[in-house]
Amino acid sequence: MTNKAFIFDLDGVMIDSETWWGGQSLGQTINSHYQQLKKTQPKLLWDKYFLKLNQKAKIIYNQAPLTPNINDLIQKLIKDNYRLALVSGSTQQWINYVVMRLKFPIKLTLSLQDRQDLQPKPAPDGYLEAMKKLGVKPKNAIILEDSQMGLDSAKATGAYVVCLTQHHPKNYHPVGADLYVKNIKELMVKIGLY
């Protein structure tokens, strides 16, 4: 039997955090957001920035609504023998806040913020690392993303890439996915889990 994997992004996929962040950071890394702020606030120190960001993140990842039917999807994937992983530019602590809220475990989680040896999205490093740890080839993997940087990262692996548009701002239309779905129920129908 061939091993198969389903790999999730976090923000805008498992949880509606993008809305809570104000939609300005869609797909953006923590480091790139800091560098962007430094242009208008040159005296902004990393420690002060990250402390404030971390306080806001704790609220968001503990209170923002999980994407409807995400637990149903995870349950069906486990039942169908998919190996699961989550790859995000968020910190491991932020990922853990969300994973603790899920009804079913996702044991392999990878923070690109905390893994300095891996290039952030749009590089494919995180997804390739997850596939390697899961023992799955890209052609047997599905990646669920929502942002352009995430889609570029996922497509560069050779996996089948799905874009969830449910939490997108009105005029945001990333390109390059193999499949676009409005919600998790539609995804489950389209990949044969219903």
C-alpha atoms as a PDB file:
ATOM      1  CA  MET A   1       0.000   0.000   0.000  1.00  0.00           C
ATOM      2  CA  THR A   2       1.334   3.449  -0.967  1.00  0.00           C
ATOM      3  CA  ASN A   3       1.682   5.997   1.805  1.00  0.00           C
ATOM      4  CA  LYS A   4      -0.362   9.154   1.238  1.00  0.00           C
ATOM      5  CA  ALA A   5      -0.273  12.475   3.034  1.00  0.00           C
ATOM      6  CA  PHE A   6      -2.463  15.483   3.625  1.00  0.00           C
ATOM      7  CA  ILE A   7      -0.600  18.595   4.740  1.00  0.00           C
ATOM      8  CA  PHE A   8      -2.297  21.671   6.156  1.00  0.00           C
ATOM      9  CA  ASP A   9      -1.282  25.287   6.342  1.00  0.00           C
ATOM     10  CA  LEU A  10      -2.455  26.967   9.564  1.00  0.00           C
ATOM     11  CA  ASP A  11      -3.608  30.563   9.091  1.00  0.00           C
ATOM     12  CA  GLY A  12      -6.661  30.897   6.866  1.00  0.00           C
ATOM     13  CA  VAL A  13      -6.886  27.112   6.519  1.00  0.00           C
ATOM     14  CA  MET A  14      -7.356  25.495   9.933  1.00  0.00           C
ATOM     15  CA  ILE A  15      -8.410  28.699  11.646  1.00  0.00           C
ATOM     16  CA  ASP A  16      -9.890  32.020  10.562  1.00  0.00           C
ATOM     17  CA  SER A  17      -6.923  33.922  11.971  1.00  0.00           C
ATOM     18  CA  GLU A  18      -6.265  36.050   8.883  1.00  0.00           C
ATOM     19  CA  THR A  19      -9.458  38.033   9.571  1.00  0.00           C
ATOM     20  CA  TRP A  20      -8.414  38.553  13.191  1.00  0.00           C
ATOM     21  CA  TRP A  21      -4.962  39.729  12.109  1.00  0.00           C
ATOM     22  CA  GLY A  22      -6.711  42.282   9.892  1.00  0.00           C
ATOM     23  CA  GLY A  23      -6.027  40.483   6.607  1.00  0.00           C
ATOM     24  CA  GLN A  24      -2.831  42.482   6.075  1.00  0.00           C
ATOM     25  CA  SER A  25      -0.446  39.604   6.730  1.00  0.00           C
ATOM     26  CA  LEU A  26      -1.893  37.065   4.281  1.00  0.00           C
ATOM     27  CA  GLY A  27       0.934  34.626   3.659  1.00  0.00           C
ATOM     28  CA  GLN A  28       3.530  37.023   5.072  1.00  0.00           C
ATOM     29  CA  THR A  29       6.268  35.764   7.402  1.00  0.00           C
ATOM     30  CA  ILE A  30       6.813  37.247  10.856  1.00  0.00           C
ATOM     31  CA  ASN A  31      10.274  38.436   9.830  1.00  0.00           C
ATOM     32  CA  SER A  32       9.084  40.103   6.622  1.00  0.00           C
ATOM     33  CA  HIS A  33       6.255  41.837   8.513  1.00  0.00           C
ATOM     34  CA  TYR A  34       8.804  43.174  11.012  1.00  0.00           C
ATOM     35  CA  GLN A  35      11.067  44.437   8.195  1.00  0.00           C
ATOM     36  CA  GLN A  36       8.082  46.155   6.589  1.00  0.00           C
ATOM     37  CA  LEU A  37       7.224  47.925   9.863  1.00  0.00           C
ATOM     38  CA  LYS A  38      10.859  48.972  10.329  1.00  0.00           C
ATOM     39  CA  LYS A  39      10.591  51.114   7.185  1.00  0.00           C
ATOM     40  CA  THR A  40       8.060  53.394   8.892  1.00  0.00           C
ATOM     41  CA  GLN A  41       9.262  52.789  12.470  1.00  0.00           C
ATOM     42  CA  PRO A  42      13.066  52.563  12.215  1.00  0.00           C
ATOM     43  CA  LYS A  43      13.519  52.481  16.005  1.00  0.00           C
ATOM     44  CA  LEU A  44      11.230  49.470  16.464  1.00  0.00           C
ATOM     45  CA  LEU A  45      13.191  46.752  18.254  1.00  0.00           C
ATOM     46  CA  TRP A  46      12.602  43.075  17.485  1.00  0.00           C
ATOM     47  CA  ASP A  47      12.013  42.142  21.140  1.00  0.00           C
ATOM     48  CA  LYS A  48       9.364  44.818  21.629  1.00  0.00           C
ATOM     49  CA  TYR A  49       7.704  43.959  18.304  1.00  0.00           C
ATOM     50  CA  PHE A  50       7.661  40.225  18.986  1.00  0.00           C
ATOM     51  CA  LEU A  51       6.383  40.592  22.569  1.00  0.00           C
ATOM     52  CA  LYS A  52       3.399  42.617  21.345  1.00  0.00           C
ATOM     53  CA  LEU A  53       2.833  40.226  18.430  1.00  0.00           C
ATOM     54  CA  ASN A  54       3.008  37.212  20.730  1.00  0.00           C
ATOM     55  CA  GLN A  55       0.416  38.707  23.104  1.00  0.00           C
ATOM     56  CA  LYS A  56      -1.984  39.294  20.208  1.00  0.00           C
ATOM     57  CA  ALA A  57      -1.273  35.826  18.775  1.00  0.00           C
ATOM     58  CA  LYS A  58      -2.152  34.121  22.064  1.00  0.00           C
ATOM     59  CA  ILE A  59      -5.613  35.711  21.942  1.00  0.00           C
ATOM     60  CA  ILE A  60      -6.131  35.023  18.229  1.00  0.00           C
ATOM     61  CA  TYR A  61      -5.060  31.368  18.213  1.00  0.00           C
ATOM     62  CA  ASN A  62      -7.078  30.581  21.325  1.00  0.00           C
ATOM     63  CA  GLN A  63     -10.232  32.467  20.327  1.00  0.00           C
ATOM     64  CA  ALA A  64     -10.532  32.849  16.542  1.00  0.00           C
ATOM     65  CA  PRO A  65     -12.983  30.323  15.135  1.00  0.00           C
ATOM     66  CA  LEU A  66     -11.669  27.082  13.713  1.00  0.00           C
ATOM     67  CA  THR A  67     -12.603  26.646  10.069  1.00  0.00           C
ATOM     68  CA  PRO A  68     -16.031  24.964   9.973  1.00  0.00           C
ATOM     69  CA  ASN A  69     -15.817  21.178   9.449  1.00  0.00           C
ATOM     70  CA  ILE A  70     -12.021  21.063   9.932  1.00  0.00           C
ATOM     71  CA  ASN A  71     -12.421  18.338  12.564  1.00  0.00           C
ATOM     72  CA  ASP A  72     -14.653  16.316  10.220  1.00  0.00           C
ATOM     73  CA  LEU A  73     -11.989  16.550   7.524  1.00  0.00           C
ATOM     74  CA  ILE A  74      -9.226  15.410   9.886  1.00  0.00           C
ATOM     75  CA  GLN A  75     -11.348  12.497  11.124  1.00  0.00           C
ATOM     76  CA  LYS A  76     -12.111  11.350   7.557  1.00  0.00           C
ATOM     77  CA  LEU A  77      -8.452  11.672   6.521  1.00  0.00           C
ATOM     78  CA  ILE A  78      -7.338   9.550   9.487  1.00  0.00           C
ATOM     79  CA  LYS A  79     -10.031   6.973   8.665  1.00  0.00           C
ATOM     80  CA  ASP A  80      -8.795   6.901   5.052  1.00  0.00           C
ATOM     81  CA  ASN A  81      -5.182   6.269   6.224  1.00  0.00           C
ATOM     82  CA  TYR A  82      -3.711   9.634   5.298  1.00  0.00           C
ATOM     83  CA  ARG A  83      -0.593  10.696   7.167  1.00  0.00           C
ATOM     84  CA  LEU A  84      -1.152  14.216   8.448  1.00  0.00           C
ATOM     85  CA  ALA A  85       1.113  17.212   8.935  1.00  0.00           C
ATOM     86  CA  LEU A  86       0.865  20.956   9.390  1.00  0.00           C
ATOM     87  CA  VAL A  87       3.416  23.426   7.997  1.00  0.00           C
ATOM     88  CA  SER A  88       3.209  27.102   8.949  1.00  0.00           C
ATOM     89  CA  GLY A  89       5.189  30.299   9.160  1.00  0.00           C
ATOM     90  CA  SER A  90       3.710  30.819  12.629  1.00  0.00           C
ATOM     91  CA  THR A  91       5.724  29.921  15.728  1.00  0.00           C
ATOM     92  CA  GLN A  92       5.473  26.432  17.211  1.00  0.00           C
ATOM     93  CA  GLN A  93       3.727  27.897  20.250  1.00  0.00           C
ATOM     94  CA  TRP A  94       1.037  29.484  18.062  1.00  0.00           C
ATOM     95  CA  ILE A  95       0.601  26.231  16.144  1.00  0.00           C
ATOM     96  CA  ASN A  96       0.221  24.378  19.460  1.00  0.00           C
ATOM     97  CA  TYR A  97      -2.584  26.707  20.591  1.00  0.00           C
ATOM     98  CA  VAL A  98      -4.621  25.645  17.550  1.00  0.00           C
ATOM     99  CA  VAL A  99      -3.671  21.945  17.548  1.00  0.00           C
ATOM    100  CA  MET A 100      -4.808  21.700  21.199  1.00  0.00           C
ATOM    101  CA  ARG A 101      -8.269  22.887  20.089  1.00  0.00           C
ATOM    102  CA  LEU A 102      -8.671  20.142  17.476  1.00  0.00           C
ATOM    103  CA  LYS A 103     -10.606  16.966  18.291  1.00  0.00           C
ATOM    104  CA  PHE A 104      -8.075  14.759  16.510  1.00  0.00           C
ATOM    105  CA  PRO A 105      -4.281  14.827  16.733  1.00  0.00           C
ATOM    106  CA  ILE A 106      -1.919  16.157  14.104  1.00  0.00           C
ATOM    107  CA  LYS A 107       1.367  14.874  15.437  1.00  0.00           C
ATOM    108  CA  LEU A 108       3.733  16.333  12.833  1.00  0.00           C
ATOM    109  CA  THR A 109       3.730  20.117  12.994  1.00  0.00           C
ATOM    110  CA  LEU A 110       6.463  22.246  11.539  1.00  0.00           C
ATOM    111  CA  SER A 111       7.108  25.914  12.293  1.00  0.00           C
ATOM    112  CA  LEU A 112       9.125  27.646   9.596  1.00  0.00           C
ATOM    113  CA  GLN A 113       9.614  30.551  12.010  1.00  0.00           C
ATOM    114  CA  ASP A 114      11.357  28.249  14.492  1.00  0.00           C
ATOM    115  CA  ARG A 115      13.292  26.211  11.900  1.00  0.00           C
ATOM    116  CA  GLN A 116      15.986  28.577  10.685  1.00  0.00           C
ATOM    117  CA  ASP A 117      17.515  25.753   8.611  1.00  0.00           C
ATOM    118  CA  LEU A 118      14.459  25.827   6.315  1.00  0.00           C
ATOM    119  CA  GLN A 119      13.613  28.654   3.909  1.00  0.00           C
ATOM    120  CA  PRO A 120      10.196  30.275   4.512  1.00  0.00           C
ATOM    121  CA  LYS A 121       7.356  30.091   1.993  1.00  0.00           C
ATOM    122  CA  PRO A 122       7.337  30.548  -1.011  1.00  0.00           C
ATOM    123  CA  ALA A 123      10.292  28.130  -0.857  1.00  0.00           C
ATOM    124  CA  PRO A 124       9.110  24.485  -0.738  1.00  0.00           C
ATOM    125  CA  ASP A 125      11.435  23.516   2.151  1.00  0.00           C
ATOM    126  CA  GLY A 126       8.810  23.095   4.879  1.00  0.00           C
ATOM    127  CA  TYR A 127       6.481  20.955   2.809  1.00  0.00           C
ATOM    128  CA  LEU A 128       9.330  18.818   1.486  1.00  0.00           C
ATOM    129  CA  GLU A 129      10.600  18.299   5.045  1.00  0.00           C
ATOM    130  CA  ALA A 130       7.122  17.239   6.186  1.00  0.00           C
ATOM    131  CA  MET A 131       6.793  14.749   3.313  1.00  0.00           C
ATOM    132  CA  LYS A 132      10.213  13.324   4.116  1.00  0.00           C
ATOM    133  CA  LYS A 133       9.268  12.856   7.793  1.00  0.00           C
ATOM    134  CA  LEU A 134       5.943  11.275   6.790  1.00  0.00           C
ATOM    135  CA  GLY A 135       7.664   8.932   4.313  1.00  0.00           C
ATOM    136  CA  VAL A 136       5.511  10.175   1.425  1.00  0.00           C
ATOM    137  CA  LYS A 137       6.437  11.186  -2.118  1.00  0.00           C
ATOM    138  CA  PRO A 138       5.094  14.534  -3.420  1.00  0.00           C
ATOM    139  CA  LYS A 139       2.927  12.784  -6.021  1.00  0.00           C
ATOM    140  CA  ASN A 140       1.065  11.093  -3.137  1.00  0.00           C
ATOM    141  CA  ALA A 141       0.523  14.277  -1.127  1.00  0.00           C
ATOM    142  CA  ILE A 142      -2.256  16.861  -0.992  1.00  0.00           C
ATOM    143  CA  ILE A 143      -1.472  20.298   0.411  1.00  0.00           C
ATOM    144  CA  LEU A 144      -4.220  22.669   1.587  1.00  0.00           C
ATOM    145  CA  GLU A 145      -3.235  26.345   1.369  1.00  0.00           C
ATOM    146  CA  ASP A 146      -4.880  29.748   1.118  1.00  0.00           C
ATOM    147  CA  SER A 147      -2.241  32.376   0.244  1.00  0.00           C
ATOM    148  CA  GLN A 148      -0.229  33.046  -2.906  1.00  0.00           C
ATOM    149  CA  MET A 149       3.067  32.457  -1.091  1.00  0.00           C
ATOM    150  CA  GLY A 150       1.687  29.215   0.323  1.00  0.00           C
ATOM    151  CA  LEU A 151       0.439  28.043  -3.073  1.00  0.00           C
ATOM    152  CA  ASP A 152       3.807  28.825  -4.667  1.00  0.00           C
ATOM    153  CA  SER A 153       5.551  26.868  -1.908  1.00  0.00           C
ATOM    154  CA  ALA A 154       3.213  23.892  -2.229  1.00  0.00           C
ATOM    155  CA  LYS A 155       3.302  23.806  -6.059  1.00  0.00           C
ATOM    156  CA  ALA A 156       7.108  23.794  -6.037  1.00  0.00           C
ATOM    157  CA  THR A 157       7.020  20.397  -4.272  1.00  0.00           C
ATOM    158  CA  GLY A 158       5.128  18.598  -7.037  1.00  0.00           C
ATOM    159  CA  ALA A 159       2.201  17.762  -4.711  1.00  0.00           C
ATOM    160  CA  TYR A 160      -1.495  18.217  -5.522  1.00  0.00           C
ATOM    161  CA  VAL A 161      -2.400  21.678  -4.238  1.00  0.00           C
ATOM    162  CA  VAL A 162      -5.812  22.836  -3.052  1.00  0.00           C
ATOM    163  CA  CYS A 163      -6.647  26.473  -2.310  1.00  0.00           C
ATOM    164  CA  LEU A 164      -9.273  27.165   0.354  1.00  0.00           C
ATOM    165  CA  THR A 165     -10.915  30.523  -0.427  1.00  0.00           C
ATOM    166  CA  GLN A 166     -13.334  30.623   2.525  1.00  0.00           C
ATOM    167  CA  HIS A 167     -11.497  33.255   4.577  1.00  0.00           C
ATOM    168  CA  HIS A 168     -10.120  35.347   1.695  1.00  0.00           C
ATOM    169  CA  PRO A 169     -10.626  39.118   1.573  1.00  0.00           C
ATOM    170  CA  LYS A 170     -13.039  40.189  -1.193  1.00  0.00           C
ATOM    171  CA  ASN A 171     -10.485  40.972  -3.937  1.00  0.00           C
ATOM    172  CA  TYR A 172      -7.844  38.367  -3.142  1.00  0.00           C
ATOM    173  CA  HIS A 173      -7.431  35.725  -5.874  1.00  0.00           C
ATOM    174  CA  PRO A 174      -4.242  33.659  -5.630  1.00  0.00           C
ATOM    175  CA  VAL A 175      -3.341  31.608  -8.703  1.00  0.00           C
ATOM    176  CA  GLY A 176      -1.718  28.279  -9.439  1.00  0.00           C
ATOM    177  CA  ALA A 177      -3.665  25.746  -7.361  1.00  0.00           C
ATOM    178  CA  ASP A 178      -4.846  22.454  -8.866  1.00  0.00           C
ATOM    179  CA  LEU A 179      -8.226  22.868  -7.171  1.00  0.00           C
ATOM    180  CA  TYR A 180     -10.097  25.765  -5.568  1.00  0.00           C
ATOM    181  CA  VAL A 181     -12.738  25.155  -2.899  1.00  0.00           C
ATOM    182  CA  LYS A 182     -15.018  27.546  -1.032  1.00  0.00           C
ATOM    183  CA  ASN A 183     -15.197  25.447   2.127  1.00  0.00           C
ATOM    184  CA  ILE A 184     -14.153  22.176   3.755  1.00  0.00           C
ATOM    185  CA  LYS A 185     -17.356  20.327   2.814  1.00  0.00           C
ATOM    186  CA  GLU A 186     -16.719  21.071  -0.861  1.00  0.00           C
ATOM    187  CA  LEU A 187     -13.135  19.870  -0.429  1.00  0.00           C
ATOM    188  CA  MET A 188     -14.255  16.576   1.104  1.00  0.00           C
ATOM    189  CA  VAL A 189     -16.651  15.968  -1.813  1.00  0.00           C
ATOM    190  CA  LYS A 190     -14.041  16.863  -4.456  1.00  0.00           C
ATOM    191  CA  ILE A 191     -11.310  14.574  -3.029  1.00  0.00           C
ATOM    192  CA  GLY A 192     -13.723  11.688  -2.434  1.00  0.00           C
ATOM    193  CA  LEU A 193     -14.031  11.724   1.361  1.00  0.00           C
ATOM    194  CA  TYR A 194     -17.832  12.138   1.336  1.00  0.00           C
END
